Amino acid sequence: MLLRAVYIDMTQLRVAGAHYFEDPWNWVDMLNIGLGYWNIYNQLYTGTLELVTKLVLIALIIVCLFEIILLHENHRELQLHCHHDPLCVL
């Protein structure tokens, strides 16, 4: 799942170029990917019961929840906007 996120973001970066960094959602995605790999590294080499591993995992969960909640809100706003437009496809 983490490899898919990397593939999608690298494709977006290749297509958008430097404009990729203008979208705050892309920064959240990069943070999510970075924390995911840091979590894997910590679990393999530091240990699953170490404090740093737990803190990274907590941060990763918070970022994921943040992203899910905001994506849900954005999707609901799109639904309200598209409700009156018969050509709108979600």
N, C-alpha and C. Protein backbone atom coordinates (compact mmCIF):
# COMPACT_ATOMS: atom_id res chain seq x y z
N MET A 1 0.83 -1.18 0.00
CA MET A 1 0.00 0.00 0.00
C MET A 1 0.88 1.26 0.00
N LEU A 2 1.98 1.21 0.70
CA LEU A 2 2.88 2.35 0.73
C LEU A 2 3.55 2.55 -0.63
N LEU A 3 3.85 1.45 -1.31
CA LEU A 3 4.45 1.56 -2.65
C LEU A 3 3.49 2.20 -3.64
N ARG A 4 2.21 1.90 -3.50
CA ARG A 4 1.20 2.52 -4.38
C ARG A 4 1.15 4.03 -4.17
N ALA A 5 1.21 4.46 -2.90
CA ALA A 5 1.20 5.90 -2.60
C ALA A 5 2.43 6.58 -3.20
N VAL A 6 3.57 5.92 -3.10
CA VAL A 6 4.81 6.48 -3.68
C VAL A 6 4.66 6.58 -5.20
N TYR A 7 4.14 5.54 -5.82
CA TYR A 7 3.96 5.54 -7.27
C TYR A 7 3.04 6.68 -7.71
N ILE A 8 1.92 6.84 -7.02
CA ILE A 8 0.95 7.89 -7.38
C ILE A 8 1.58 9.27 -7.22
N ASP A 9 2.25 9.51 -6.09
CA ASP A 9 2.83 10.83 -5.86
C ASP A 9 4.00 11.12 -6.80
N MET A 10 4.79 10.11 -7.12
CA MET A 10 5.90 10.33 -8.06
C MET A 10 5.36 10.61 -9.47
N THR A 11 4.25 9.97 -9.82
CA THR A 11 3.62 10.25 -11.12
C THR A 11 3.10 11.68 -11.15
N GLN A 12 2.46 12.11 -10.06
CA GLN A 12 1.96 13.48 -9.98
C GLN A 12 3.11 14.47 -10.04
N LEU A 13 4.22 14.16 -9.37
CA LEU A 13 5.39 15.04 -9.38
C LEU A 13 5.98 15.14 -10.78
N ARG A 14 6.06 14.01 -11.47
CA ARG A 14 6.60 14.01 -12.82
C ARG A 14 5.73 14.84 -13.76
N VAL A 15 4.42 14.73 -13.63
CA VAL A 15 3.50 15.46 -14.51
C VAL A 15 3.44 16.94 -14.16
N ALA A 16 3.34 17.25 -12.87
CA ALA A 16 3.15 18.65 -12.45
C ALA A 16 4.45 19.41 -12.32
N GLY A 17 5.55 18.72 -12.15
CA GLY A 17 6.83 19.40 -11.96
C GLY A 17 6.86 20.15 -10.65
N ALA A 18 7.40 21.36 -10.67
CA ALA A 18 7.53 22.15 -9.44
C ALA A 18 6.19 22.58 -8.88
N HIS A 19 5.14 22.60 -9.71
CA HIS A 19 3.80 22.97 -9.24
C HIS A 19 3.24 21.94 -8.25
N TYR A 20 3.82 20.75 -8.25
CA TYR A 20 3.39 19.71 -7.33
C TYR A 20 3.46 20.19 -5.88
N PHE A 21 4.48 20.98 -5.57
CA PHE A 21 4.71 21.42 -4.20
C PHE A 21 3.82 22.59 -3.78
N GLU A 22 3.02 23.12 -4.69
CA GLU A 22 2.10 24.22 -4.37
C GLU A 22 0.83 23.73 -3.67
N ASP A 23 0.51 22.47 -3.84
CA ASP A 23 -0.71 21.91 -3.25
C ASP A 23 -0.41 21.37 -1.85
N PRO A 24 -1.07 21.88 -0.82
CA PRO A 24 -0.80 21.40 0.54
C PRO A 24 -1.13 19.92 0.74
N TRP A 25 -2.06 19.37 -0.04
CA TRP A 25 -2.38 17.95 0.08
C TRP A 25 -1.18 17.09 -0.28
N ASN A 26 -0.37 17.55 -1.22
CA ASN A 26 0.81 16.78 -1.60
C ASN A 26 1.82 16.74 -0.46
N TRP A 27 1.91 17.82 0.32
CA TRP A 27 2.80 17.82 1.48
C TRP A 27 2.32 16.83 2.52
N VAL A 28 1.01 16.74 2.70
CA VAL A 28 0.45 15.76 3.63
C VAL A 28 0.74 14.34 3.14
N ASP A 29 0.61 14.12 1.84
CA ASP A 29 0.92 12.81 1.27
C ASP A 29 2.39 12.45 1.48
N MET A 30 3.28 13.41 1.25
CA MET A 30 4.71 13.14 1.45
C MET A 30 5.02 12.87 2.91
N LEU A 31 4.36 13.57 3.82
CA LEU A 31 4.54 13.33 5.25
C LEU A 31 4.07 11.92 5.60
N ASN A 32 2.94 11.53 5.05
CA ASN A 32 2.40 10.19 5.28
C ASN A 32 3.37 9.11 4.79
N ILE A 33 3.92 9.29 3.61
CA ILE A 33 4.87 8.32 3.05
C ILE A 33 6.15 8.28 3.89
N GLY A 34 6.67 9.45 4.23
CA GLY A 34 7.90 9.51 5.03
C GLY A 34 7.74 8.87 6.39
N LEU A 35 6.62 9.16 7.06
CA LEU A 35 6.37 8.55 8.37
C LEU A 35 6.16 7.04 8.24
N GLY A 36 5.55 6.61 7.14
CA GLY A 36 5.35 5.18 6.92
C GLY A 36 6.66 4.44 6.80
N TYR A 37 7.60 4.99 6.01
CA TYR A 37 8.90 4.34 5.87
C TYR A 37 9.72 4.43 7.15
N TRP A 38 9.61 5.54 7.87
CA TRP A 38 10.31 5.69 9.14
C TRP A 38 9.77 4.67 10.15
N ASN A 39 8.47 4.45 10.12
CA ASN A 39 7.86 3.45 10.99
C ASN A 39 8.38 2.05 10.68
N ILE A 40 8.46 1.71 9.40
CA ILE A 40 8.99 0.40 9.01
C ILE A 40 10.43 0.25 9.49
N TYR A 41 11.24 1.27 9.26
CA TYR A 41 12.64 1.23 9.69
C TYR A 41 12.74 1.03 11.20
N ASN A 42 11.96 1.82 11.95
CA ASN A 42 12.01 1.71 13.41
C ASN A 42 11.59 0.33 13.89
N GLN A 43 10.56 -0.23 13.29
CA GLN A 43 10.12 -1.55 13.73
C GLN A 43 11.14 -2.63 13.42
N LEU A 44 11.86 -2.47 12.30
CA LEU A 44 12.85 -3.48 11.94
C LEU A 44 14.14 -3.35 12.74
N TYR A 45 14.62 -2.12 12.93
CA TYR A 45 15.95 -1.93 13.49
C TYR A 45 15.98 -1.40 14.93
N THR A 46 14.92 -0.73 15.38
CA THR A 46 14.89 -0.19 16.73
C THR A 46 14.10 -1.09 17.66
N GLY A 47 13.03 -1.65 17.16
CA GLY A 47 12.17 -2.51 17.95
C GLY A 47 10.78 -1.91 18.08
N THR A 48 9.82 -2.77 18.16
CA THR A 48 8.43 -2.31 18.18
C THR A 48 8.02 -1.70 19.52
N LEU A 49 8.76 -2.02 20.58
CA LEU A 49 8.38 -1.52 21.90
C LEU A 49 9.11 -0.25 22.32
N GLU A 50 9.99 0.25 21.47
CA GLU A 50 10.74 1.47 21.79
C GLU A 50 9.84 2.70 21.66
N LEU A 51 10.16 3.72 22.44
CA LEU A 51 9.34 4.94 22.47
C LEU A 51 9.29 5.63 21.11
N VAL A 52 10.42 5.72 20.43
CA VAL A 52 10.44 6.42 19.15
C VAL A 52 9.55 5.71 18.13
N THR A 53 9.52 4.40 18.16
CA THR A 53 8.66 3.64 17.25
C THR A 53 7.19 3.94 17.54
N LYS A 54 6.85 3.97 18.80
CA LYS A 54 5.46 4.26 19.18
C LYS A 54 5.07 5.68 18.80
N LEU A 55 5.97 6.64 19.00
CA LEU A 55 5.67 8.03 18.65
C LEU A 55 5.49 8.21 17.15
N VAL A 56 6.33 7.55 16.36
CA VAL A 56 6.20 7.64 14.90
C VAL A 56 4.88 7.02 14.46
N LEU A 57 4.52 5.91 15.05
CA LEU A 57 3.26 5.26 14.69
C LEU A 57 2.06 6.13 15.09
N ILE A 58 2.13 6.76 16.24
CA ILE A 58 1.06 7.67 16.66
C ILE A 58 0.96 8.85 15.69
N ALA A 59 2.10 9.42 15.31
CA ALA A 59 2.10 10.53 14.35
C ALA A 59 1.52 10.09 13.02
N LEU A 60 1.86 8.90 12.59
CA LEU A 60 1.34 8.37 11.33
C LEU A 60 -0.17 8.20 11.38
N ILE A 61 -0.67 7.70 12.48
CA ILE A 61 -2.12 7.53 12.64
C ILE A 61 -2.82 8.88 12.64
N ILE A 62 -2.24 9.87 13.32
CA ILE A 62 -2.84 11.21 13.35
C ILE A 62 -2.89 11.81 11.95
N VAL A 63 -1.81 11.69 11.18
CA VAL A 63 -1.78 12.22 9.81
C VAL A 63 -2.83 11.52 8.96
N CYS A 64 -2.95 10.20 9.10
CA CYS A 64 -3.95 9.45 8.32
C CYS A 64 -5.37 9.87 8.69
N LEU A 65 -5.63 10.02 9.97
CA LEU A 65 -6.97 10.47 10.39
C LEU A 65 -7.27 11.87 9.89
N PHE A 66 -6.28 12.75 9.98
CA PHE A 66 -6.42 14.12 9.48
C PHE A 66 -6.79 14.10 8.00
N GLU A 67 -6.09 13.28 7.25
CA GLU A 67 -6.32 13.20 5.81
C GLU A 67 -7.70 12.61 5.51
N ILE A 68 -8.09 11.58 6.22
CA ILE A 68 -9.39 10.95 6.00
C ILE A 68 -10.53 11.92 6.33
N ILE A 69 -10.41 12.61 7.45
CA ILE A 69 -11.47 13.54 7.85
C ILE A 69 -11.61 14.69 6.85
N LEU A 70 -10.49 15.25 6.43
CA LEU A 70 -10.56 16.35 5.48
C LEU A 70 -11.01 15.89 4.11
N LEU A 71 -10.60 14.71 3.69
CA LEU A 71 -11.07 14.19 2.40
C LEU A 71 -12.57 13.92 2.45
N HIS A 72 -13.05 13.44 3.57
CA HIS A 72 -14.48 13.20 3.73
C HIS A 72 -15.26 14.52 3.64
N GLU A 73 -14.75 15.56 4.30
CA GLU A 73 -15.41 16.87 4.25
C GLU A 73 -15.41 17.42 2.84
N ASN A 74 -14.28 17.30 2.13
CA ASN A 74 -14.19 17.79 0.75
C ASN A 74 -15.14 17.02 -0.16
N HIS A 75 -15.24 15.71 0.06
CA HIS A 75 -16.14 14.90 -0.76
C HIS A 75 -17.59 15.31 -0.52
N ARG A 76 -17.93 15.58 0.74
CA ARG A 76 -19.31 16.00 1.05
C ARG A 76 -19.62 17.35 0.41
N GLU A 77 -18.65 18.27 0.41
CA GLU A 77 -18.86 19.57 -0.25
C GLU A 77 -19.05 19.39 -1.74
N LEU A 78 -18.29 18.47 -2.35
CA LEU A 78 -18.46 18.20 -3.77
C LEU A 78 -19.84 17.62 -4.06
N GLN A 79 -20.31 16.74 -3.19
CA GLN A 79 -21.64 16.18 -3.38
C GLN A 79 -22.70 17.26 -3.32
N LEU A 80 -22.59 18.18 -2.39
CA LEU A 80 -23.56 19.28 -2.29
C LEU A 80 -23.50 20.16 -3.53
N HIS A 81 -22.29 20.40 -4.02
CA HIS A 81 -22.12 21.24 -5.21
C HIS A 81 -22.67 20.53 -6.44
N CYS A 82 -22.41 19.23 -6.55
CA CYS A 82 -22.83 18.47 -7.73
C CYS A 82 -24.30 18.08 -7.70
N HIS A 83 -24.93 18.24 -6.57
CA HIS A 83 -26.34 17.85 -6.46
C HIS A 83 -27.21 18.59 -7.48
N HIS A 84 -26.84 19.81 -7.78
CA HIS A 84 -27.64 20.63 -8.69
C HIS A 84 -27.12 20.60 -10.12
N ASP A 85 -26.03 19.93 -10.37
CA ASP A 85 -25.42 19.88 -11.69
C ASP A 85 -25.55 18.46 -12.25
N PRO A 86 -26.40 18.26 -13.26
CA PRO A 86 -26.60 16.90 -13.78
C PRO A 86 -25.38 16.33 -14.51
N LEU A 87 -24.44 17.20 -14.90
CA LEU A 87 -23.25 16.74 -15.62
C LEU A 87 -22.09 16.43 -14.67
N CYS A 88 -22.26 16.71 -13.42
CA CYS A 88 -21.19 16.50 -12.44
C CYS A 88 -21.07 15.02 -12.11
N VAL A 89 -19.84 14.49 -12.18
CA VAL A 89 -19.57 13.10 -11.87
C VAL A 89 -18.55 13.05 -10.75
N LEU A 90 -18.86 12.31 -9.70
CA LEU A 90 -17.91 12.15 -8.57
C LEU A 90 -17.14 10.87 -8.74
